[in-house]
Protein backbone atom coordinates (compact mmCIF):
# COMPACT_ATOMS: atom_id res chain seq x y z
CA LYS A 1 0.00 0.00 0.00
CA TYR A 2 1.16 3.52 -0.74
CA LYS A 3 1.30 6.27 1.85
CA SER A 4 -0.44 9.50 0.90
CA ILE A 5 0.30 12.91 2.34
CA ALA A 6 -2.00 15.92 2.54
CA ALA A 7 0.73 18.51 1.99
CA LEU A 8 4.46 18.77 1.50
CA PRO A 9 6.58 19.34 4.61
CA SER A 10 8.01 22.83 5.10
CA VAL A 11 11.53 21.62 4.22
CA VAL A 12 11.72 19.39 1.16
CA GLY A 13 14.62 17.93 -0.77
CA SER A 14 14.37 15.98 -3.96
CA GLY A 15 13.22 12.45 -3.37
CA GLY A 16 15.40 10.19 -5.43
CA GLY A 17 18.77 11.80 -5.82
CA CYS A 18 21.68 10.69 -3.70
CA LYS A 19 23.47 12.80 -1.12
CA PRO A 20 26.89 13.55 -2.68
CA GLY A 21 29.60 11.66 -0.84
CA ALA A 22 27.24 10.02 1.67
CA LEU A 23 26.83 6.53 0.21
CA LYS A 24 29.40 6.52 -2.58
CA LEU A 25 32.72 8.19 -3.05
CA PHE A 26 35.19 8.18 -5.91
CA ALA A 27 38.85 9.09 -5.36
CA THR A 28 41.29 9.75 -8.18
CA VAL A 29 44.88 8.53 -8.03
CA ASP A 30 45.98 12.07 -7.13
CA GLY A 31 43.55 12.25 -4.17
CA ARG A 32 40.64 14.29 -5.54
CA LEU A 33 37.20 13.25 -4.26
CA TYR A 34 34.02 13.03 -6.35
CA PRO A 35 30.47 11.99 -5.41
CA CYS A 36 30.67 8.78 -7.46
CA GLU A 37 32.42 7.06 -10.35
CA LYS A 38 30.05 8.67 -12.88
CA ALA A 39 31.25 12.22 -12.13
CA ASN A 40 33.33 14.08 -14.69
CA ASP A 41 36.75 14.20 -13.02
CA SER A 42 37.81 17.14 -15.18
CA SER A 43 34.91 19.24 -13.86
CA ASN A 44 35.82 21.43 -10.91
CA VAL A 45 32.17 21.72 -9.85
CA MET A 46 31.96 17.94 -9.26
CA GLN A 47 35.07 17.75 -7.04
CA ILE A 48 33.86 17.59 -3.42
CA GLY A 49 37.21 17.55 -1.67
CA THR A 50 40.61 15.91 -1.46
CA LEU A 51 42.12 13.12 0.60
CA LYS A 52 44.52 15.67 2.10
CA ASP A 53 41.97 18.36 3.05
CA GLY A 54 38.80 16.27 3.44
CA PHE A 55 35.33 17.14 2.24
CA ASP A 56 34.43 20.60 0.99
CA LEU A 57 30.99 20.96 2.60
CA ALA A 58 30.13 24.08 0.59
CA LYS A 59 30.68 22.18 -2.66
CA ILE A 60 28.64 19.22 -1.40
CA SER A 61 25.81 21.59 -0.46
CA ASN A 62 26.12 23.23 -3.87
CA LEU A 63 25.67 19.86 -5.60
CA TYR A 64 22.89 18.69 -3.29
CA ASN A 65 20.93 21.89 -3.90
CA LEU A 66 21.79 21.87 -7.61
CA ASN A 67 23.72 25.13 -7.16
CA GLY A 68 20.66 26.96 -5.92
CA LEU A 69 18.77 26.08 -9.09
CA SER A 70 16.50 23.82 -7.06
CA LYS A 71 15.30 26.72 -4.89
CA THR A 72 13.40 28.25 -7.74
CA LYS A 73 12.82 25.28 -10.05
CA CYS A 74 11.91 22.55 -7.58
CA LYS A 75 10.06 24.55 -4.95
CA ASN A 76 6.64 24.25 -6.58
CA CYS A 77 7.16 21.14 -8.69
CA TRP A 78 4.57 18.40 -8.27
CA ALA A 79 7.26 15.72 -8.78
CA VAL A 80 9.84 16.95 -6.25
CA LEU A 81 9.49 14.01 -3.85
CA LEU A 82 9.99 11.49 -6.66
CA CYS A 83 12.68 13.36 -8.57
CA SER A 84 15.99 11.62 -9.20
CA ILE A 85 17.86 14.31 -11.13
CA CYS A 86 21.53 13.99 -10.34
CA PRO A 87 23.93 16.95 -10.55
CA ILE A 88 26.05 14.85 -12.91
CA ARG A 89 23.25 15.08 -15.47
CA ILE A 90 23.34 18.89 -15.45
CA ASP A 91 27.11 19.46 -15.28
CA ASP A 92 28.25 21.27 -18.43
CA GLY A 93 31.93 20.84 -17.54
CA SER A 94 32.31 24.10 -15.65
CA LYS A 95 29.04 24.66 -13.78
CA LEU A 96 25.61 23.21 -13.11
CA SER A 97 23.61 24.40 -16.09
CA PRO A 98 20.07 25.85 -15.81
CA ARG A 99 19.53 24.91 -19.48
CA LEU A 100 20.43 21.27 -18.83
CA LEU A 101 18.30 21.27 -15.67
CA GLU A 102 15.27 22.44 -17.66
CA LYS A 103 15.79 19.66 -20.19
CA GLU A 104 16.21 17.05 -17.43
CA CYS A 105 13.14 18.36 -15.58
CA VAL A 106 10.92 17.85 -18.60
CA SER A 107 12.23 14.31 -19.05
CA GLU A 108 12.01 13.49 -15.33
CA ARG A 109 8.41 14.71 -14.96
CA ARG A 110 7.40 12.73 -18.05
CA THR A 111 9.00 9.58 -16.62
CA ILE A 112 7.43 10.08 -13.18
CA ALA A 113 3.99 10.67 -14.73
CA ARG A 114 4.34 7.45 -16.73
CA TYR A 115 5.26 5.47 -13.61
CA LEU A 116 2.36 6.96 -11.69
CA LYS A 117 0.00 5.90 -14.49
CA TYR A 118 1.41 2.38 -14.30
CA LEU A 119 0.92 2.32 -10.54
CA ALA A 120 -2.67 3.52 -10.93
CA VAL A 121 -3.35 0.71 -13.38
CA ILE A 122 -1.82 -1.83 -11.01
CA GLU A 123 -3.80 -0.45 -8.08
CA GLU A 124 -7.02 -0.77 -10.07
CA GLY A 125 -6.26 -4.47 -10.42
CA LYS A 126 -5.57 -4.51 -14.13
CA GLU A 127 -3.89 -7.70 -15.25
CA SER A 128 -1.96 -6.12 -18.08
CA LEU A 129 -0.13 -2.85 -18.59
CA ARG A 130 -0.60 -3.16 -22.35
CA GLY A 131 -3.37 -0.51 -22.46
CA CYS A 132 -1.35 1.93 -20.36
CA TYR A 133 1.35 2.30 -23.01
CA GLU A 134 -1.24 4.15 -25.08
CA CYS A 135 -1.42 6.93 -22.42
CA ASP A 136 2.24 7.79 -22.99
CA LYS A 137 1.63 9.04 -26.52
């Protein structure tokens, strides 16, 4: 059974994205730290510290909050609790890009809507998802 909520809590983070450096960590041979193995190791924005100096909490916060882009973009989004946009997907090599975030948002909301339709079909006791594929068009 799924838990429903009447309203969003006063403090909300995205629902599906990881917390940079919390569960995974990637270290280069020269001691630079990145949130995971998928990060672009030539991108300064993705580097979250060094083995010598430890974690750079400001950079981690920057990634977690999508460089402040999430304050305006995510604040009123219906999909925020289910969102899995990763900063890696919006890194343009030098900064977290608002243009890439917009593109990812459209794709993410479309994917979440599709999954919610599938869940609704399952909840209604449908035996096949075949008919639900038609709603995606």
